[in-house]
Amino acid sequence: MSEAELPRLVSRLRVDWLLRQVAAQGGFGAVLARGDAEAGAIAVVARSGGNEELLAPVLGAAGYEMVVMASGDAVPGWIERARRRDPDLWVIELDIPQAAQLVAQILSPG
C-alpha cells in the first residue's frame, strides 16, 4: 500500500500523538480548544525561547503545509476569528524548543 493510499489518522489521534511526543521530549502541551474528533483541522500555538507563533495548515502547490499565521500579541485574535469561522478547529499549545519543526514533522497533513 502506498503512502497515498494510507488512511489519514483522525484529528483526535493526531493531537494525542503530538502531545505525547512533546511530553516524551520534556516539553509541555495542552489542548486550548477541542475541535471535531474525526476531521477537525489542527492549529498549534508554538512557544519556544520566549517566542510565540501560531501555525495552521494551508493548501499550497505541494499540498498542505503548516504555515505561521500569527505571532506574539496577534495569536489570541487569530484563534478567536478562526474558531468563529470553524468551530471544528482544534487549537493546541506546545512549549518545547523547536516546536515549529516538530509540528511540521508530525502534523503535515497528507
N, C-alpha and C. Protein backbone atom coordinates (compact mmCIF):
# COMPACT_ATOMS: atom_id res chain seq x y z
N MET A 1 0.85 -1.17 0.00
CA MET A 1 0.00 0.00 0.00
C MET A 1 0.89 1.24 0.00
N SER A 2 0.66 2.14 -0.92
CA SER A 2 1.47 3.35 -1.00
C SER A 2 1.02 4.35 0.06
N GLU A 3 1.87 5.36 0.30
CA GLU A 3 1.53 6.40 1.28
C GLU A 3 0.25 7.12 0.90
N ALA A 4 0.02 7.31 -0.39
CA ALA A 4 -1.19 8.00 -0.86
C ALA A 4 -2.45 7.19 -0.55
N GLU A 5 -2.32 5.87 -0.40
CA GLU A 5 -3.47 5.01 -0.14
C GLU A 5 -3.74 4.82 1.34
N LEU A 6 -2.80 5.23 2.19
CA LEU A 6 -2.98 5.06 3.63
C LEU A 6 -4.06 5.99 4.14
N PRO A 7 -4.92 5.50 5.03
CA PRO A 7 -5.95 6.38 5.58
C PRO A 7 -5.31 7.42 6.50
N ARG A 8 -5.89 8.60 6.52
CA ARG A 8 -5.39 9.68 7.36
C ARG A 8 -5.89 9.44 8.78
N LEU A 9 -5.03 9.64 9.76
CA LEU A 9 -5.44 9.49 11.15
C LEU A 9 -6.46 10.57 11.50
N VAL A 10 -7.42 10.21 12.33
CA VAL A 10 -8.41 11.20 12.75
C VAL A 10 -7.73 12.26 13.60
N SER A 11 -8.33 13.41 13.66
CA SER A 11 -7.72 14.57 14.33
C SER A 11 -7.40 14.29 15.79
N ARG A 12 -8.31 13.66 16.50
CA ARG A 12 -8.09 13.39 17.93
C ARG A 12 -6.83 12.57 18.14
N LEU A 13 -6.59 11.57 17.30
CA LEU A 13 -5.39 10.74 17.43
C LEU A 13 -4.12 11.52 17.09
N ARG A 14 -4.21 12.39 16.08
CA ARG A 14 -3.04 13.21 15.71
C ARG A 14 -2.67 14.15 16.86
N VAL A 15 -3.68 14.75 17.49
CA VAL A 15 -3.43 15.64 18.63
C VAL A 15 -2.84 14.86 19.79
N ASP A 16 -3.44 13.73 20.13
CA ASP A 16 -2.93 12.91 21.24
C ASP A 16 -1.49 12.49 21.00
N TRP A 17 -1.18 12.08 19.78
CA TRP A 17 0.17 11.63 19.46
C TRP A 17 1.17 12.78 19.57
N LEU A 18 0.80 13.95 19.08
CA LEU A 18 1.68 15.10 19.16
C LEU A 18 1.95 15.48 20.62
N LEU A 19 0.91 15.49 21.45
CA LEU A 19 1.09 15.83 22.86
C LEU A 19 1.99 14.81 23.56
N ARG A 20 1.86 13.53 23.21
CA ARG A 20 2.73 12.51 23.80
C ARG A 20 4.18 12.70 23.36
N GLN A 21 4.39 13.03 22.09
CA GLN A 21 5.76 13.27 21.59
C GLN A 21 6.40 14.45 22.31
N VAL A 22 5.64 15.50 22.52
CA VAL A 22 6.15 16.69 23.21
C VAL A 22 6.52 16.33 24.65
N ALA A 23 5.65 15.60 25.35
CA ALA A 23 5.92 15.20 26.73
C ALA A 23 7.15 14.30 26.80
N ALA A 24 7.30 13.39 25.83
CA ALA A 24 8.45 12.49 25.81
C ALA A 24 9.76 13.24 25.63
N GLN A 25 9.69 14.42 25.00
CA GLN A 25 10.89 15.22 24.79
C GLN A 25 11.08 16.27 25.89
N GLY A 26 10.27 16.17 26.95
CA GLY A 26 10.42 17.07 28.09
C GLY A 26 9.70 18.39 27.97
N GLY A 27 8.82 18.50 26.99
CA GLY A 27 8.07 19.74 26.79
C GLY A 27 6.69 19.68 27.41
N PHE A 28 5.94 20.75 27.22
CA PHE A 28 4.58 20.85 27.74
C PHE A 28 3.62 21.05 26.58
N GLY A 29 2.48 20.38 26.63
CA GLY A 29 1.46 20.57 25.61
C GLY A 29 0.08 20.52 26.24
N ALA A 30 -0.84 21.31 25.69
CA ALA A 30 -2.21 21.35 26.20
C ALA A 30 -3.17 21.64 25.06
N VAL A 31 -4.39 21.15 25.21
CA VAL A 31 -5.45 21.46 24.25
C VAL A 31 -6.13 22.74 24.72
N LEU A 32 -6.09 23.78 23.89
CA LEU A 32 -6.75 25.05 24.21
C LEU A 32 -8.20 25.05 23.75
N ALA A 33 -8.49 24.36 22.64
CA ALA A 33 -9.85 24.26 22.11
C ALA A 33 -9.99 22.93 21.38
N ARG A 34 -11.02 22.18 21.76
CA ARG A 34 -11.28 20.89 21.09
C ARG A 34 -12.12 21.12 19.84
N GLY A 35 -11.71 20.45 18.78
CA GLY A 35 -12.46 20.52 17.54
C GLY A 35 -13.15 19.20 17.27
N ASP A 36 -13.53 18.99 16.04
CA ASP A 36 -14.17 17.74 15.64
C ASP A 36 -13.18 16.59 15.79
N ALA A 37 -13.59 15.53 16.47
CA ALA A 37 -12.70 14.41 16.76
C ALA A 37 -12.23 13.69 15.50
N GLU A 38 -13.05 13.71 14.46
CA GLU A 38 -12.71 12.97 13.25
C GLU A 38 -11.94 13.79 12.24
N ALA A 39 -12.43 14.98 11.92
CA ALA A 39 -11.88 15.70 10.77
C ALA A 39 -11.53 17.16 11.02
N GLY A 40 -11.47 17.58 12.26
CA GLY A 40 -11.15 18.98 12.54
C GLY A 40 -9.72 19.31 12.16
N ALA A 41 -9.52 20.50 11.60
CA ALA A 41 -8.16 20.98 11.32
C ALA A 41 -7.47 21.25 12.66
N ILE A 42 -6.14 21.29 12.65
CA ILE A 42 -5.38 21.47 13.88
C ILE A 42 -4.47 22.68 13.73
N ALA A 43 -4.65 23.66 14.61
CA ALA A 43 -3.77 24.82 14.68
C ALA A 43 -2.93 24.67 15.95
N VAL A 44 -1.70 25.14 15.90
CA VAL A 44 -0.77 24.95 17.01
C VAL A 44 -0.17 26.28 17.43
N VAL A 45 -0.27 26.59 18.72
CA VAL A 45 0.45 27.73 19.29
C VAL A 45 1.78 27.17 19.78
N ALA A 46 2.85 27.54 19.11
CA ALA A 46 4.19 27.03 19.43
C ALA A 46 4.95 28.08 20.22
N ARG A 47 5.35 27.72 21.44
CA ARG A 47 6.12 28.63 22.29
C ARG A 47 7.52 28.03 22.45
N SER A 48 8.50 28.88 22.24
CA SER A 48 9.88 28.42 22.36
C SER A 48 10.78 29.63 22.55
N GLY A 49 11.57 29.62 23.62
CA GLY A 49 12.52 30.70 23.84
C GLY A 49 11.89 32.07 23.95
N GLY A 50 10.70 32.17 24.52
CA GLY A 50 10.02 33.45 24.67
C GLY A 50 9.26 33.91 23.44
N ASN A 51 9.34 33.15 22.36
CA ASN A 51 8.60 33.49 21.14
C ASN A 51 7.32 32.67 21.08
N GLU A 52 6.31 33.24 20.41
CA GLU A 52 5.03 32.56 20.25
C GLU A 52 4.58 32.71 18.81
N GLU A 53 4.30 31.56 18.17
CA GLU A 53 3.81 31.56 16.79
C GLU A 53 2.61 30.63 16.71
N LEU A 54 1.67 30.99 15.86
CA LEU A 54 0.54 30.12 15.61
C LEU A 54 0.68 29.54 14.21
N LEU A 55 0.70 28.21 14.13
CA LEU A 55 0.83 27.51 12.86
C LEU A 55 -0.49 26.84 12.52
N ALA A 56 -0.85 26.89 11.25
CA ALA A 56 -2.09 26.25 10.79
C ALA A 56 -1.85 25.68 9.39
N PRO A 57 -2.61 24.64 9.03
CA PRO A 57 -2.44 24.04 7.70
C PRO A 57 -2.98 24.95 6.60
N VAL A 58 -2.19 25.10 5.54
CA VAL A 58 -2.57 25.90 4.38
C VAL A 58 -2.28 25.08 3.13
N LEU A 59 -3.23 25.10 2.20
CA LEU A 59 -3.05 24.36 0.95
C LEU A 59 -2.15 25.16 0.02
N GLY A 60 -1.06 24.53 -0.39
CA GLY A 60 -0.13 25.16 -1.33
C GLY A 60 0.03 24.29 -2.56
N ALA A 61 0.99 24.63 -3.38
CA ALA A 61 1.23 23.90 -4.63
C ALA A 61 1.59 22.44 -4.39
N ALA A 62 2.27 22.15 -3.28
CA ALA A 62 2.70 20.79 -2.98
C ALA A 62 1.78 20.10 -1.98
N GLY A 63 0.57 20.60 -1.79
CA GLY A 63 -0.34 20.03 -0.81
C GLY A 63 -0.39 20.91 0.43
N TYR A 64 -0.89 20.35 1.52
CA TYR A 64 -0.99 21.11 2.76
C TYR A 64 0.37 21.21 3.44
N GLU A 65 0.60 22.37 4.07
CA GLU A 65 1.79 22.55 4.89
C GLU A 65 1.44 23.44 6.07
N MET A 66 2.17 23.29 7.17
CA MET A 66 1.95 24.12 8.35
C MET A 66 2.66 25.46 8.13
N VAL A 67 1.90 26.55 8.26
CA VAL A 67 2.40 27.89 7.98
C VAL A 67 2.14 28.79 9.19
N VAL A 68 3.07 29.69 9.48
CA VAL A 68 2.88 30.66 10.57
C VAL A 68 1.80 31.64 10.15
N MET A 69 0.72 31.68 10.91
CA MET A 69 -0.42 32.56 10.61
C MET A 69 -0.45 33.80 11.48
N ALA A 70 0.15 33.72 12.68
CA ALA A 70 0.16 34.86 13.60
C ALA A 70 1.32 34.66 14.57
N SER A 71 1.75 35.76 15.18
CA SER A 71 2.79 35.65 16.20
C SER A 71 2.56 36.71 17.27
N GLY A 72 3.13 36.45 18.44
CA GLY A 72 3.04 37.39 19.55
C GLY A 72 1.62 37.75 19.95
N ASP A 73 1.36 39.05 20.07
CA ASP A 73 0.05 39.54 20.53
C ASP A 73 -1.09 39.26 19.56
N ALA A 74 -0.80 38.91 18.32
CA ALA A 74 -1.84 38.65 17.32
C ALA A 74 -2.44 37.25 17.45
N VAL A 75 -1.82 36.37 18.23
CA VAL A 75 -2.27 34.97 18.32
C VAL A 75 -3.69 34.85 18.89
N PRO A 76 -4.02 35.47 20.04
CA PRO A 76 -5.39 35.29 20.56
C PRO A 76 -6.48 35.75 19.59
N GLY A 77 -6.26 36.86 18.91
CA GLY A 77 -7.24 37.35 17.94
C GLY A 77 -7.43 36.39 16.78
N TRP A 78 -6.32 35.80 16.30
CA TRP A 78 -6.42 34.84 15.20
C TRP A 78 -7.24 33.63 15.63
N ILE A 79 -6.98 33.13 16.85
CA ILE A 79 -7.72 31.97 17.35
C ILE A 79 -9.21 32.28 17.44
N GLU A 80 -9.55 33.43 17.99
CA GLU A 80 -10.95 33.81 18.14
C GLU A 80 -11.66 33.88 16.78
N ARG A 81 -11.05 34.53 15.82
CA ARG A 81 -11.65 34.64 14.48
C ARG A 81 -11.76 33.27 13.80
N ALA A 82 -10.72 32.47 13.91
CA ALA A 82 -10.72 31.16 13.26
C ALA A 82 -11.76 30.23 13.87
N ARG A 83 -11.91 30.24 15.19
CA ARG A 83 -12.90 29.38 15.84
C ARG A 83 -14.32 29.82 15.54
N ARG A 84 -14.52 31.12 15.32
CA ARG A 84 -15.85 31.60 14.92
C ARG A 84 -16.22 31.06 13.53
N ARG A 85 -15.24 31.06 12.63
CA ARG A 85 -15.46 30.56 11.26
C ARG A 85 -15.54 29.04 11.22
N ASP A 86 -14.74 28.38 12.06
CA ASP A 86 -14.63 26.92 12.01
C ASP A 86 -14.64 26.34 13.42
N PRO A 87 -15.82 26.05 13.98
CA PRO A 87 -15.88 25.51 15.33
C PRO A 87 -15.28 24.11 15.45
N ASP A 88 -15.00 23.45 14.32
CA ASP A 88 -14.37 22.13 14.34
C ASP A 88 -12.85 22.20 14.52
N LEU A 89 -12.29 23.41 14.53
CA LEU A 89 -10.84 23.61 14.63
C LEU A 89 -10.31 23.25 16.01
N TRP A 90 -9.26 22.46 16.03
CA TRP A 90 -8.51 22.18 17.25
C TRP A 90 -7.46 23.27 17.41
N VAL A 91 -7.20 23.69 18.64
CA VAL A 91 -6.09 24.59 18.92
C VAL A 91 -5.32 23.97 20.08
N ILE A 92 -4.05 23.68 19.83
CA ILE A 92 -3.21 23.13 20.89
C ILE A 92 -2.02 24.05 21.12
N GLU A 93 -1.51 24.01 22.34
CA GLU A 93 -0.36 24.82 22.72
C GLU A 93 0.80 23.90 23.05
N LEU A 94 1.98 24.24 22.53
CA LEU A 94 3.19 23.47 22.82
C LEU A 94 4.27 24.41 23.32
N ASP A 95 4.95 23.99 24.36
CA ASP A 95 6.10 24.75 24.86
C ASP A 95 7.28 23.78 24.87
N ILE A 96 8.07 23.88 23.82
CA ILE A 96 9.21 22.98 23.64
C ILE A 96 10.17 23.63 22.65
N PRO A 97 11.47 23.46 22.85
CA PRO A 97 12.40 24.02 21.86
C PRO A 97 12.10 23.48 20.46
N GLN A 98 12.20 24.33 19.49
CA GLN A 98 11.98 23.99 18.08
C GLN A 98 10.61 23.36 17.85
N ALA A 99 9.60 23.95 18.48
CA ALA A 99 8.23 23.43 18.37
C ALA A 99 7.74 23.43 16.93
N ALA A 100 8.04 24.47 16.19
CA ALA A 100 7.54 24.57 14.81
C ALA A 100 8.04 23.41 13.95
N GLN A 101 9.29 23.01 14.14
CA GLN A 101 9.84 21.90 13.36
C GLN A 101 9.15 20.58 13.73
N LEU A 102 8.90 20.38 15.02
CA LEU A 102 8.22 19.16 15.46
C LEU A 102 6.81 19.11 14.90
N VAL A 103 6.11 20.22 14.94
CA VAL A 103 4.75 20.29 14.41
C VAL A 103 4.73 19.97 12.93
N ALA A 104 5.62 20.56 12.18
CA ALA A 104 5.67 20.32 10.74
C ALA A 104 5.93 18.85 10.44
N GLN A 105 6.79 18.24 11.23
CA GLN A 105 7.13 16.83 11.02
C GLN A 105 5.94 15.92 11.33
N ILE A 106 5.23 16.19 12.41
CA ILE A 106 4.18 15.29 12.87
C ILE A 106 2.82 15.59 12.25
N LEU A 107 2.49 16.86 12.09
CA LEU A 107 1.15 17.21 11.65
C LEU A 107 1.02 17.54 10.18
N SER A 108 2.08 17.43 9.42
CA SER A 108 1.94 17.73 7.99
C SER A 108 0.78 16.93 7.44
N PRO A 109 -0.31 17.62 7.08
CA PRO A 109 -1.48 16.89 6.59
C PRO A 109 -1.13 16.10 5.33
N GLY A 110 -1.78 15.00 5.18
CA GLY A 110 -1.49 14.24 3.98
C GLY A 110 -2.26 12.99 3.85
